[in-house]
Amino acid sequence: MRSWMCILTFLVFVGFVATGCSQKVKNVKRVQVSGKITLDTKPLMTGKITFDPENGEPPAVFDILDGNYEGLAPVGKNKVRLTSIKKVSMKELMGGMDGPGYDELQDVNALPDRYGDKSEITREVTEEGPNQFNFDTKSK
């Protein structure tokens, strides 16, 4: 009788594991997007652009090179964030103040926060396309 209890317990455990593992992860549909990005009317030389569906699915991040980007982004409404990292000394960040360690370089986004962390830019990526999104950014 005891062996039957062990077997039954084992089968129930296997059943729970099998049903838990059989749930499929939603396959995110992605399509080609591309575009141009300028900063003060000139091509943004380097940076990153992120298309984030903000629904728990992973965002798509593409390199910006010579003002151009392309890649596969999630279909649907996406929040768009732009970054372009430059190295700036603490001395420059502190308005010319001097002190120990002020010569060390810090990573700073060359674009204002309205394009990065505080972005409210959205774009609708469709299966039909064309999904070409250009962005004319301003440093001020």
N, C-alpha and C. Protein backbone atom coordinates (compact mmCIF):
# COMPACT_ATOMS: atom_id res chain seq x y z
N MET A 1 0.81 -1.18 0.00
CA MET A 1 0.00 0.00 0.00
C MET A 1 0.86 1.26 0.00
N ARG A 2 1.95 1.20 0.74
CA ARG A 2 2.83 2.35 0.84
C ARG A 2 3.46 2.66 -0.51
N SER A 3 3.84 1.63 -1.28
CA SER A 3 4.46 1.85 -2.59
C SER A 3 3.46 2.50 -3.55
N TRP A 4 2.18 2.15 -3.44
CA TRP A 4 1.16 2.77 -4.30
C TRP A 4 1.03 4.26 -3.99
N MET A 5 1.13 4.63 -2.72
CA MET A 5 1.07 6.03 -2.31
C MET A 5 2.25 6.79 -2.90
N CYS A 6 3.41 6.18 -2.86
CA CYS A 6 4.60 6.83 -3.42
C CYS A 6 4.45 7.01 -4.93
N ILE A 7 3.96 5.98 -5.59
CA ILE A 7 3.78 6.07 -7.04
C ILE A 7 2.74 7.12 -7.37
N LEU A 8 1.63 7.15 -6.65
CA LEU A 8 0.58 8.14 -6.88
C LEU A 8 1.11 9.56 -6.65
N THR A 9 1.85 9.76 -5.58
CA THR A 9 2.44 11.07 -5.30
C THR A 9 3.38 11.49 -6.42
N PHE A 10 4.19 10.55 -6.88
CA PHE A 10 5.12 10.83 -7.97
C PHE A 10 4.36 11.21 -9.24
N LEU A 11 3.31 10.50 -9.59
CA LEU A 11 2.54 10.79 -10.79
C LEU A 11 1.85 12.16 -10.70
N VAL A 12 1.34 12.51 -9.52
CA VAL A 12 0.73 13.83 -9.34
C VAL A 12 1.79 14.91 -9.53
N PHE A 13 2.98 14.70 -8.98
CA PHE A 13 4.07 15.66 -9.13
C PHE A 13 4.46 15.82 -10.60
N VAL A 14 4.59 14.72 -11.31
CA VAL A 14 4.93 14.77 -12.74
C VAL A 14 3.83 15.49 -13.51
N GLY A 15 2.58 15.28 -13.14
CA GLY A 15 1.46 15.96 -13.80
C GLY A 15 1.54 17.47 -13.61
N PHE A 16 1.86 17.92 -12.40
CA PHE A 16 2.00 19.36 -12.15
C PHE A 16 3.16 19.95 -12.95
N VAL A 17 4.28 19.26 -12.96
CA VAL A 17 5.45 19.74 -13.71
C VAL A 17 5.13 19.80 -15.19
N ALA A 18 4.48 18.77 -15.71
CA ALA A 18 4.17 18.72 -17.15
C ALA A 18 3.22 19.83 -17.55
N THR A 19 2.21 20.10 -16.74
CA THR A 19 1.26 21.16 -17.11
C THR A 19 1.91 22.53 -16.96
N GLY A 20 2.77 22.71 -15.97
CA GLY A 20 3.45 23.99 -15.80
C GLY A 20 4.43 24.26 -16.93
N CYS A 21 5.08 23.25 -17.42
CA CYS A 21 6.06 23.42 -18.48
C CYS A 21 5.43 23.49 -19.87
N SER A 22 4.20 23.08 -19.97
CA SER A 22 3.59 23.05 -21.30
C SER A 22 3.02 24.40 -21.71
N GLN A 23 2.97 25.36 -20.79
CA GLN A 23 2.46 26.67 -21.17
C GLN A 23 3.43 27.31 -22.14
N LYS A 24 2.88 27.79 -23.24
CA LYS A 24 3.72 28.37 -24.28
C LYS A 24 3.99 29.84 -23.99
N VAL A 25 5.22 30.24 -24.27
CA VAL A 25 5.56 31.65 -24.19
C VAL A 25 5.03 32.31 -25.45
N LYS A 26 4.37 33.44 -25.27
CA LYS A 26 3.79 34.16 -26.40
C LYS A 26 4.90 34.52 -27.39
N ASN A 27 4.71 34.15 -28.63
CA ASN A 27 5.67 34.46 -29.67
C ASN A 27 5.42 35.87 -30.18
N VAL A 28 6.36 36.76 -29.93
CA VAL A 28 6.21 38.16 -30.27
C VAL A 28 6.48 38.34 -31.77
N LYS A 29 5.51 38.91 -32.46
CA LYS A 29 5.67 39.20 -33.89
C LYS A 29 6.53 40.45 -34.03
N ARG A 30 7.59 40.36 -34.82
CA ARG A 30 8.49 41.49 -35.07
C ARG A 30 8.63 41.70 -36.56
N VAL A 31 8.71 42.96 -36.94
CA VAL A 31 8.85 43.32 -38.35
C VAL A 31 9.95 44.37 -38.51
N GLN A 32 10.39 44.53 -39.74
CA GLN A 32 11.47 45.45 -40.06
C GLN A 32 11.06 46.91 -39.85
N VAL A 33 11.90 47.67 -39.15
CA VAL A 33 11.75 49.11 -39.01
C VAL A 33 13.08 49.75 -39.40
N SER A 34 13.01 51.00 -39.83
CA SER A 34 14.23 51.73 -40.17
C SER A 34 13.93 53.21 -40.12
N GLY A 35 14.97 54.00 -40.21
CA GLY A 35 14.76 55.44 -40.23
C GLY A 35 16.05 56.20 -40.07
N LYS A 36 15.87 57.53 -40.01
CA LYS A 36 16.98 58.46 -39.87
C LYS A 36 16.75 59.31 -38.64
N ILE A 37 17.85 59.66 -37.98
CA ILE A 37 17.77 60.49 -36.78
C ILE A 37 18.76 61.63 -36.92
N THR A 38 18.25 62.85 -36.72
CA THR A 38 19.12 64.02 -36.76
C THR A 38 19.14 64.69 -35.39
N LEU A 39 20.24 65.37 -35.11
CA LEU A 39 20.38 66.20 -33.92
C LEU A 39 20.75 67.59 -34.41
N ASP A 40 19.86 68.53 -34.20
CA ASP A 40 20.05 69.91 -34.68
C ASP A 40 20.35 69.93 -36.19
N THR A 41 19.56 69.21 -36.94
CA THR A 41 19.57 69.09 -38.42
C THR A 41 20.74 68.29 -39.00
N LYS A 42 21.65 67.79 -38.15
CA LYS A 42 22.77 66.97 -38.62
C LYS A 42 22.54 65.52 -38.20
N PRO A 43 22.99 64.55 -39.00
CA PRO A 43 22.81 63.13 -38.61
C PRO A 43 23.42 62.85 -37.24
N LEU A 44 22.68 62.16 -36.40
CA LEU A 44 23.19 61.73 -35.09
C LEU A 44 24.23 60.65 -35.37
N MET A 45 25.47 60.91 -35.04
CA MET A 45 26.57 60.01 -35.44
C MET A 45 26.46 58.62 -34.81
N THR A 46 26.26 58.56 -33.50
CA THR A 46 26.14 57.26 -32.84
C THR A 46 25.09 57.34 -31.74
N GLY A 47 24.53 56.20 -31.41
CA GLY A 47 23.56 56.15 -30.33
C GLY A 47 22.78 54.85 -30.37
N LYS A 48 21.68 54.86 -29.65
CA LYS A 48 20.79 53.69 -29.59
C LYS A 48 19.35 54.19 -29.67
N ILE A 49 18.51 53.38 -30.31
CA ILE A 49 17.07 53.64 -30.34
C ILE A 49 16.38 52.39 -29.80
N THR A 50 15.40 52.61 -28.94
CA THR A 50 14.67 51.50 -28.32
C THR A 50 13.19 51.59 -28.68
N PHE A 51 12.64 50.47 -29.14
CA PHE A 51 11.20 50.34 -29.37
C PHE A 51 10.69 49.40 -28.27
N ASP A 52 9.91 49.96 -27.33
CA ASP A 52 9.45 49.21 -26.16
C ASP A 52 7.93 49.11 -26.16
N PRO A 53 7.38 47.89 -26.33
CA PRO A 53 5.92 47.74 -26.33
C PRO A 53 5.30 47.96 -24.95
N GLU A 54 6.11 48.01 -23.90
CA GLU A 54 5.68 48.24 -22.53
C GLU A 54 4.55 47.31 -22.08
N ASN A 55 4.63 46.07 -22.50
CA ASN A 55 3.62 45.09 -22.09
C ASN A 55 4.26 43.83 -21.52
N GLY A 56 5.51 43.93 -21.11
CA GLY A 56 6.21 42.79 -20.56
C GLY A 56 7.07 42.06 -21.58
N GLU A 57 6.85 42.34 -22.86
CA GLU A 57 7.68 41.74 -23.91
C GLU A 57 9.02 42.49 -23.96
N PRO A 58 10.07 41.82 -24.37
CA PRO A 58 11.37 42.50 -24.42
C PRO A 58 11.38 43.61 -25.48
N PRO A 59 11.99 44.75 -25.14
CA PRO A 59 12.10 45.82 -26.13
C PRO A 59 13.13 45.47 -27.19
N ALA A 60 13.09 46.19 -28.31
CA ALA A 60 14.08 46.04 -29.37
C ALA A 60 15.00 47.26 -29.31
N VAL A 61 16.30 47.02 -29.30
CA VAL A 61 17.29 48.09 -29.22
C VAL A 61 18.20 47.99 -30.44
N PHE A 62 18.32 49.11 -31.17
CA PHE A 62 19.14 49.14 -32.38
C PHE A 62 20.21 50.22 -32.27
N ASP A 63 21.35 49.95 -32.90
CA ASP A 63 22.41 50.94 -32.97
C ASP A 63 22.06 52.01 -33.99
N ILE A 64 22.43 53.25 -33.67
CA ILE A 64 22.32 54.35 -34.61
C ILE A 64 23.74 54.63 -35.10
N LEU A 65 23.93 54.64 -36.39
CA LEU A 65 25.25 54.90 -36.96
C LEU A 65 25.08 55.84 -38.14
N ASP A 66 25.77 56.96 -38.10
CA ASP A 66 25.67 57.98 -39.15
C ASP A 66 24.22 58.40 -39.39
N GLY A 67 23.44 58.46 -38.33
CA GLY A 67 22.06 58.92 -38.42
C GLY A 67 21.05 57.89 -38.88
N ASN A 68 21.47 56.64 -39.08
CA ASN A 68 20.56 55.60 -39.57
C ASN A 68 20.44 54.45 -38.57
N TYR A 69 19.28 53.80 -38.59
CA TYR A 69 19.07 52.59 -37.79
C TYR A 69 18.15 51.65 -38.57
N GLU A 70 18.19 50.38 -38.22
CA GLU A 70 17.25 49.40 -38.76
C GLU A 70 17.29 48.14 -37.91
N GLY A 71 16.18 47.38 -37.94
CA GLY A 71 16.10 46.14 -37.19
C GLY A 71 14.67 45.66 -37.10
N LEU A 72 14.45 44.65 -36.26
CA LEU A 72 13.12 44.05 -36.08
C LEU A 72 12.51 44.54 -34.77
N ALA A 73 11.37 45.21 -34.87
CA ALA A 73 10.69 45.76 -33.69
C ALA A 73 9.35 45.05 -33.49
N PRO A 74 8.85 45.04 -32.25
CA PRO A 74 7.56 44.40 -31.97
C PRO A 74 6.40 45.12 -32.67
N VAL A 75 5.48 44.34 -33.21
CA VAL A 75 4.28 44.89 -33.85
C VAL A 75 3.39 45.49 -32.76
N GLY A 76 2.82 46.67 -33.05
CA GLY A 76 1.92 47.34 -32.12
C GLY A 76 2.49 48.68 -31.69
N LYS A 77 1.86 49.27 -30.69
CA LYS A 77 2.29 50.57 -30.18
C LYS A 77 3.55 50.40 -29.34
N ASN A 78 4.57 51.22 -29.65
CA ASN A 78 5.85 51.16 -28.95
C ASN A 78 6.24 52.53 -28.44
N LYS A 79 6.76 52.59 -27.22
CA LYS A 79 7.39 53.81 -26.73
C LYS A 79 8.80 53.83 -27.33
N VAL A 80 9.22 54.99 -27.82
CA VAL A 80 10.53 55.12 -28.45
C VAL A 80 11.44 55.96 -27.55
N ARG A 81 12.65 55.45 -27.31
CA ARG A 81 13.65 56.18 -26.54
C ARG A 81 14.93 56.28 -27.37
N LEU A 82 15.57 57.44 -27.28
CA LEU A 82 16.81 57.69 -28.01
C LEU A 82 17.91 58.08 -27.03
N THR A 83 19.10 57.53 -27.23
CA THR A 83 20.25 57.90 -26.42
C THR A 83 21.47 58.05 -27.31
N SER A 84 22.35 58.93 -26.91
CA SER A 84 23.64 59.11 -27.57
C SER A 84 24.64 59.48 -26.48
N ILE A 85 25.42 58.52 -26.06
CA ILE A 85 26.31 58.70 -24.91
C ILE A 85 27.60 59.40 -25.34
N LYS A 86 27.97 60.42 -24.55
CA LYS A 86 29.26 61.09 -24.76
C LYS A 86 29.98 61.13 -23.42
N LYS A 87 31.30 61.27 -23.47
CA LYS A 87 32.12 61.34 -22.27
C LYS A 87 32.35 62.81 -21.92
N VAL A 88 32.08 63.16 -20.66
CA VAL A 88 32.24 64.53 -20.19
C VAL A 88 32.93 64.48 -18.83
N SER A 89 33.85 65.40 -18.58
CA SER A 89 34.54 65.43 -17.29
C SER A 89 33.62 66.00 -16.22
N MET A 90 33.85 65.60 -14.98
CA MET A 90 33.08 66.13 -13.85
C MET A 90 33.27 67.65 -13.77
N LYS A 91 34.46 68.11 -14.12
CA LYS A 91 34.74 69.55 -14.10
C LYS A 91 33.78 70.30 -15.01
N GLU A 92 33.57 69.75 -16.21
CA GLU A 92 32.64 70.36 -17.16
C GLU A 92 31.20 70.27 -16.65
N LEU A 93 30.84 69.11 -16.07
CA LEU A 93 29.50 68.94 -15.54
C LEU A 93 29.20 69.89 -14.38
N MET A 94 30.23 70.20 -13.61
CA MET A 94 30.06 71.05 -12.44
C MET A 94 30.29 72.53 -12.76
N GLY A 95 30.30 72.87 -14.04
CA GLY A 95 30.40 74.28 -14.44
C GLY A 95 31.77 74.89 -14.19
N GLY A 96 32.82 74.11 -14.35
CA GLY A 96 34.18 74.62 -14.22
C GLY A 96 34.77 74.46 -12.84
N MET A 97 33.99 74.00 -11.87
CA MET A 97 34.54 73.78 -10.53
C MET A 97 35.64 72.74 -10.62
N ASP A 98 36.60 72.86 -9.73
CA ASP A 98 37.74 71.94 -9.76
C ASP A 98 37.86 71.24 -8.41
N GLY A 99 38.38 70.05 -8.46
CA GLY A 99 38.58 69.29 -7.23
C GLY A 99 39.11 67.91 -7.55
N PRO A 100 39.42 67.12 -6.53
CA PRO A 100 39.94 65.77 -6.75
C PRO A 100 38.93 64.92 -7.53
N GLY A 101 39.41 64.26 -8.56
CA GLY A 101 38.57 63.37 -9.35
C GLY A 101 37.74 64.07 -10.41
N TYR A 102 37.83 65.40 -10.51
CA TYR A 102 37.02 66.14 -11.47
C TYR A 102 37.50 65.95 -12.91
N ASP A 103 38.67 65.34 -13.09
CA ASP A 103 39.15 65.06 -14.45
C ASP A 103 38.60 63.74 -14.98
N GLU A 104 37.98 62.93 -14.12
CA GLU A 104 37.43 61.65 -14.55
C GLU A 104 36.24 61.88 -15.48
N LEU A 105 36.15 61.03 -16.49
CA LEU A 105 35.08 61.17 -17.47
C LEU A 105 33.84 60.41 -17.03
N GLN A 106 32.68 61.00 -17.30
CA GLN A 106 31.39 60.41 -16.98
C GLN A 106 30.60 60.20 -18.27
N ASP A 107 29.76 59.16 -18.31
CA ASP A 107 28.86 58.95 -19.44
C ASP A 107 27.64 59.85 -19.28
N VAL A 108 27.35 60.63 -20.32
CA VAL A 108 26.21 61.54 -20.30
C VAL A 108 25.46 61.40 -21.61
N ASN A 109 24.12 61.38 -21.54
CA ASN A 109 23.31 61.34 -22.76
C ASN A 109 23.37 62.72 -23.41
N ALA A 110 23.80 62.75 -24.67
CA ALA A 110 23.89 64.02 -25.40
C ALA A 110 22.51 64.56 -25.75
N LEU A 111 21.51 63.72 -25.67
CA LEU A 111 20.13 64.13 -25.97
C LEU A 111 19.39 64.48 -24.69
N PRO A 112 18.51 65.46 -24.73
CA PRO A 112 17.71 65.80 -23.54
C PRO A 112 16.84 64.61 -23.09
N ASP A 113 16.48 64.62 -21.80
CA ASP A 113 15.66 63.54 -21.22
C ASP A 113 14.35 63.31 -21.95
N ARG A 114 13.83 64.32 -22.64
CA ARG A 114 12.54 64.16 -23.33
C ARG A 114 12.62 63.13 -24.46
N TYR A 115 13.85 62.75 -24.86
CA TYR A 115 14.04 61.71 -25.86
C TYR A 115 14.45 60.38 -25.22
N GLY A 116 14.89 60.43 -23.96
CA GLY A 116 15.39 59.23 -23.29
C GLY A 116 14.45 58.71 -22.23
N ASP A 117 14.88 58.82 -20.97
CA ASP A 117 14.10 58.28 -19.85
C ASP A 117 12.70 58.87 -19.74
N LYS A 118 12.53 60.12 -20.11
CA LYS A 118 11.22 60.78 -19.98
C LYS A 118 10.49 60.88 -21.32
N SER A 119 10.88 60.04 -22.24
CA SER A 119 10.28 60.09 -23.58
C SER A 119 8.78 59.80 -23.55
N GLU A 120 8.04 60.58 -24.32
CA GLU A 120 6.62 60.32 -24.53
C GLU A 120 6.35 60.02 -26.01
N ILE A 121 7.42 59.74 -26.74
CA ILE A 121 7.32 59.45 -28.17
C ILE A 121 6.80 58.03 -28.35
N THR A 122 5.79 57.85 -29.18
CA THR A 122 5.29 56.51 -29.52
C THR A 122 5.18 56.38 -31.03
N ARG A 123 5.31 55.15 -31.49
CA ARG A 123 5.11 54.84 -32.90
C ARG A 123 4.38 53.51 -32.99
N GLU A 124 3.47 53.43 -33.96
CA GLU A 124 2.70 52.21 -34.22
C GLU A 124 3.44 51.41 -35.30
N VAL A 125 3.95 50.25 -34.93
CA VAL A 125 4.63 49.36 -35.87
C VAL A 125 3.58 48.38 -36.41
N THR A 126 3.45 48.32 -37.75
CA THR A 126 2.43 47.47 -38.36
C THR A 126 3.06 46.37 -39.19
N GLU A 127 2.31 45.28 -39.36
CA GLU A 127 2.79 44.18 -40.20
C GLU A 127 2.86 44.60 -41.66
N GLU A 128 1.94 45.49 -42.07
CA GLU A 128 1.87 45.90 -43.47
C GLU A 128 3.00 46.85 -43.84
N GLY A 129 3.47 47.67 -42.86
CA GLY A 129 4.51 48.65 -43.14
C GLY A 129 4.00 49.76 -44.02
N PRO A 130 4.80 50.61 -44.59
CA PRO A 130 6.24 50.66 -44.29
C PRO A 130 6.45 51.23 -42.90
N ASN A 131 7.40 50.70 -42.20
CA ASN A 131 7.69 51.13 -40.84
C ASN A 131 8.98 51.95 -40.83
N GLN A 132 8.92 53.08 -41.48
CA GLN A 132 10.07 53.98 -41.51
C GLN A 132 9.74 55.18 -40.63
N PHE A 133 10.53 55.34 -39.58
CA PHE A 133 10.29 56.38 -38.60
C PHE A 133 11.53 57.26 -38.48
N ASN A 134 11.39 58.53 -38.85
CA ASN A 134 12.48 59.50 -38.77
C ASN A 134 12.25 60.38 -37.55
N PHE A 135 13.34 60.81 -36.92
CA PHE A 135 13.26 61.64 -35.74
C PHE A 135 14.21 62.81 -35.88
N ASP A 136 13.68 64.03 -35.77
CA ASP A 136 14.47 65.26 -35.81
C ASP A 136 14.56 65.78 -34.38
N THR A 137 15.69 65.55 -33.74
CA THR A 137 15.86 65.93 -32.34
C THR A 137 16.59 67.27 -32.23
N LYS A 138 16.41 67.90 -31.09
CA LYS A 138 17.05 69.19 -30.79
C LYS A 138 17.81 69.07 -29.48
N SER A 139 18.99 69.66 -29.42
CA SER A 139 19.82 69.58 -28.20
C SER A 139 19.30 70.49 -27.11
N LYS A 140 18.51 71.48 -27.43
CA LYS A 140 17.97 72.42 -26.42
C LYS A 140 16.47 72.27 -26.31
